[in-house]
C-alpha atoms as a PDB file:
ATOM      1  CA  MET A   1       5.920  29.810 245.127  1.00  0.00           C
ATOM      2  CA  LEU A   2       4.862  32.815 247.544  1.00  0.00           C
ATOM      3  CA  THR A   3       1.750  32.018 249.547  1.00  0.00           C
ATOM      4  CA  TRP A   4      -0.820  34.724 249.594  1.00  0.00           C
ATOM      5  CA  GLU A   5      -0.117  35.094 253.250  1.00  0.00           C
ATOM      6  CA  GLU A   6       3.732  35.698 252.514  1.00  0.00           C
ATOM      7  CA  PHE A   7       3.375  38.154 250.495  1.00  0.00           C
ATOM      8  CA  GLU A   8       0.610  40.041 252.380  1.00  0.00           C
ATOM      9  CA  LYS A   9       3.520  40.631 254.535  1.00  0.00           C
ATOM     10  CA  THR A  10       5.481  42.743 252.518  1.00  0.00           C
ATOM     11  CA  GLU A  11       4.393  46.487 253.075  1.00  0.00           C
ATOM     12  CA  MET A  12       4.803  48.129 249.867  1.00  0.00           C
ATOM     13  CA  ARG A  13       4.222  51.956 250.054  1.00  0.00           C
ATOM     14  CA  VAL A  14       3.904  55.145 248.128  1.00  0.00           C
ATOM     15  CA  GLY A  15       5.960  58.021 249.451  1.00  0.00           C
ATOM     16  CA  THR A  16       7.370  61.429 247.919  1.00  0.00           C
ATOM     17  CA  ILE A  17      11.126  61.866 247.647  1.00  0.00           C
ATOM     18  CA  ILE A  18      11.818  65.122 249.684  1.00  0.00           C
ATOM     19  CA  GLU A  19      15.703  65.345 249.296  1.00  0.00           C
ATOM     20  CA  VAL A  20      18.223  63.853 247.015  1.00  0.00           C
ATOM     21  CA  ASN A  21      22.146  63.950 247.752  1.00  0.00           C
ATOM     22  CA  ASP A  22      25.108  62.241 245.898  1.00  0.00           C
ATOM     23  CA  PHE A  23      26.567  59.389 247.650  1.00  0.00           C
ATOM     24  CA  PRO A  24      30.146  59.053 246.693  1.00  0.00           C
ATOM     25  CA  GLU A  25      31.136  56.503 249.199  1.00  0.00           C
ATOM     26  CA  ALA A  26      28.530  53.840 247.451  1.00  0.00           C
ATOM     27  CA  ARG A  27      30.642  51.227 245.374  1.00  0.00           C
ATOM     28  CA  LYS A  28      28.191  51.788 242.480  1.00  0.00           C
ATOM     29  CA  PRO A  29      26.701  55.175 241.078  1.00  0.00           C
ATOM     30  CA  ALA A  30      23.889  55.790 243.885  1.00  0.00           C
ATOM     31  CA  TYR A  31      21.881  58.525 245.466  1.00  0.00           C
ATOM     32  CA  GLN A  32      20.681  59.441 249.099  1.00  0.00           C
ATOM     33  CA  LEU A  33      16.876  59.765 249.073  1.00  0.00           C
ATOM     34  CA  THR A  34      15.168  60.906 252.150  1.00  0.00           C
ATOM     35  CA  ILE A  35      11.429  59.724 251.302  1.00  0.00           C
ATOM     36  CA  ASP A  36       8.125  61.355 252.947  1.00  0.00           C
ATOM     37  CA  PHE A  37       5.820  57.936 253.686  1.00  0.00           C
ATOM     38  CA  GLY A  38       2.962  60.414 255.361  1.00  0.00           C
ATOM     39  CA  GLU A  39       1.904  60.726 259.197  1.00  0.00           C
ATOM     40  CA  ALA A  40       1.760  56.963 260.016  1.00  0.00           C
ATOM     41  CA  ILE A  41       5.188  55.736 258.754  1.00  0.00           C
ATOM     42  CA  GLY A  42       7.483  58.948 258.513  1.00  0.00           C
ATOM     43  CA  ILE A  43      10.393  60.088 256.949  1.00  0.00           C
ATOM     44  CA  ARG A  44      12.746  57.072 255.767  1.00  0.00           C
ATOM     45  CA  LYS A  45      16.182  57.109 254.023  1.00  0.00           C
ATOM     46  CA  SER A  46      17.216  54.918 251.243  1.00  0.00           C
ATOM     47  CA  SER A  47      19.798  54.593 248.555  1.00  0.00           C
ATOM     48  CA  ALA A  48      19.139  54.024 245.241  1.00  0.00           C
ATOM     49  CA  GLN A  49      21.385  53.198 242.071  1.00  0.00           C
ATOM     50  CA  ILE A  50      19.084  55.259 239.916  1.00  0.00           C
ATOM     51  CA  THR A  51      21.623  58.022 238.462  1.00  0.00           C
ATOM     52  CA  LYS A  52      21.401  56.475 234.749  1.00  0.00           C
ATOM     53  CA  ARG A  53      17.779  57.605 234.151  1.00  0.00           C
ATOM     54  CA  TYR A  54      17.469  60.254 237.019  1.00  0.00           C
ATOM     55  CA  THR A  55      18.983  63.626 238.095  1.00  0.00           C
ATOM     56  CA  LYS A  56      18.472  64.670 241.630  1.00  0.00           C
ATOM     57  CA  GLU A  57      16.282  67.720 240.283  1.00  0.00           C
ATOM     58  CA  ASN A  58      14.047  65.398 238.723  1.00  0.00           C
ATOM     59  CA  LEU A  59      13.404  63.287 241.533  1.00  0.00           C
ATOM     60  CA  THR A  60      12.736  65.617 243.973  1.00  0.00           C
ATOM     61  CA  GLY A  61       9.166  65.841 244.819  1.00  0.00           C
ATOM     62  CA  ARG A  62       8.432  62.497 242.503  1.00  0.00           C
ATOM     63  CA  GLN A  63       6.156  59.838 244.360  1.00  0.00           C
ATOM     64  CA  ILE A  64       7.813  56.519 244.314  1.00  0.00           C
ATOM     65  CA  ILE A  65       6.710  53.038 245.565  1.00  0.00           C
ATOM     66  CA  ALA A  66       8.930  51.173 248.390  1.00  0.00           C
ATOM     67  CA  VAL A  67       9.075  48.353 250.567  1.00  0.00           C
ATOM     68  CA  VAL A  68       9.035  49.569 254.435  1.00  0.00           C
ATOM     69  CA  ASN A  69       9.480  46.623 256.329  1.00  0.00           C
ATOM     70  CA  PHE A  70      12.364  45.035 255.598  1.00  0.00           C
ATOM     71  CA  PRO A  71      15.102  45.131 258.166  1.00  0.00           C
ATOM     72  CA  LYS A  72      17.426  48.605 257.967  1.00  0.00           C
ATOM     73  CA  LYS A  73      20.616  48.167 255.803  1.00  0.00           C
ATOM     74  CA  GLN A  74      24.016  49.685 256.690  1.00  0.00           C
ATOM     75  CA  ILE A  75      25.542  50.671 253.397  1.00  0.00           C
ATOM     76  CA  GLY A  76      28.964  52.249 254.128  1.00  0.00           C
ATOM     77  CA  LYS A  77      27.974  54.998 256.752  1.00  0.00           C
ATOM     78  CA  PHE A  78      24.627  55.092 255.328  1.00  0.00           C
ATOM     79  CA  MET A  79      21.656  53.401 256.814  1.00  0.00           C
ATOM     80  CA  SER A  80      18.805  52.399 254.701  1.00  0.00           C
ATOM     81  CA  GLU A  81      15.304  52.090 255.935  1.00  0.00           C
ATOM     82  CA  CYS A  82      13.447  51.076 252.961  1.00  0.00           C
ATOM     83  CA  LEU A  83      13.681  49.740 249.510  1.00  0.00           C
ATOM     84  CA  VAL A  84      12.895  51.840 246.508  1.00  0.00           C
ATOM     85  CA  LEU A  85      11.498  49.280 244.002  1.00  0.00           C
ATOM     86  CA  GLY A  86      12.318  49.838 239.859  1.00  0.00           C
ATOM     87  CA  ALA A  87      12.505  47.572 236.899  1.00  0.00           C
ATOM     88  CA  VAL A  88      16.172  46.993 236.101  1.00  0.00           C
ATOM     89  CA  GLY A  89      16.834  46.713 232.559  1.00  0.00           C
ATOM     90  CA  GLN A  90      19.919  44.095 231.081  1.00  0.00           C
ATOM     91  CA  GLU A  91      22.218  47.570 231.169  1.00  0.00           C
ATOM     92  CA  GLY A  92      21.620  47.791 234.998  1.00  0.00           C
ATOM     93  CA  ASP A  93      19.413  50.963 234.470  1.00  0.00           C
ATOM     94  CA  VAL A  94      16.456  51.095 236.665  1.00  0.00           C
ATOM     95  CA  VAL A  95      13.137  52.903 236.035  1.00  0.00           C
ATOM     96  CA  LEU A  96      11.117  53.548 239.092  1.00  0.00           C
ATOM     97  CA  LEU A  97       8.075  52.378 240.135  1.00  0.00           C
ATOM     98  CA  SER A  98       5.381  54.735 240.881  1.00  0.00           C
ATOM     99  CA  PRO A  99       1.568  55.495 240.587  1.00  0.00           C
ATOM    100  CA  ASP A 100       0.288  57.186 237.618  1.00  0.00           C
ATOM    101  CA  PHE A 101      -1.733  60.229 240.055  1.00  0.00           C
ATOM    102  CA  LYS A 102      -0.597  61.878 242.689  1.00  0.00           C
ATOM    103  CA  VAL A 103      -1.974  59.846 245.692  1.00  0.00           C
ATOM    104  CA  GLU A 104      -1.679  60.254 249.570  1.00  0.00           C
ATOM    105  CA  ASN A 105       1.716  59.088 250.988  1.00  0.00           C
ATOM    106  CA  GLY A 106       1.913  56.443 252.863  1.00  0.00           C
ATOM    107  CA  LEU A 107      -0.990  54.358 250.766  1.00  0.00           C
ATOM    108  CA  ARG A 108      -0.251  50.577 250.580  1.00  0.00           C
ATOM    109  CA  ILE A 109       0.328  48.757 247.837  1.00  0.00           C
ATOM    110  CA  ALA A 110      -2.298  45.485 246.963  1.00  0.00           C
END
């Protein structure tokens, strides 16, 4: 069990996907995402195995939730700078977490 203080250290923020590219070097099908988290945090990159449910076209402009204070992670030649959050089904398909309404990029999830 986590303590409340431990949970509060996790910075989950709202961001808008501004660019989506194929990631052919990934072991499992994935996209490379460029995400805008607003002025204070800026632009971050992430890879996400979300190709079963999402196309590049329907991801661009979509707001998502991501953890922005994990260490960067090297994935092949790509450096992932945040962790996009989603619910993972039994078949490994991911449904992205997102706000119900458009909100300001960078808002913290509490």
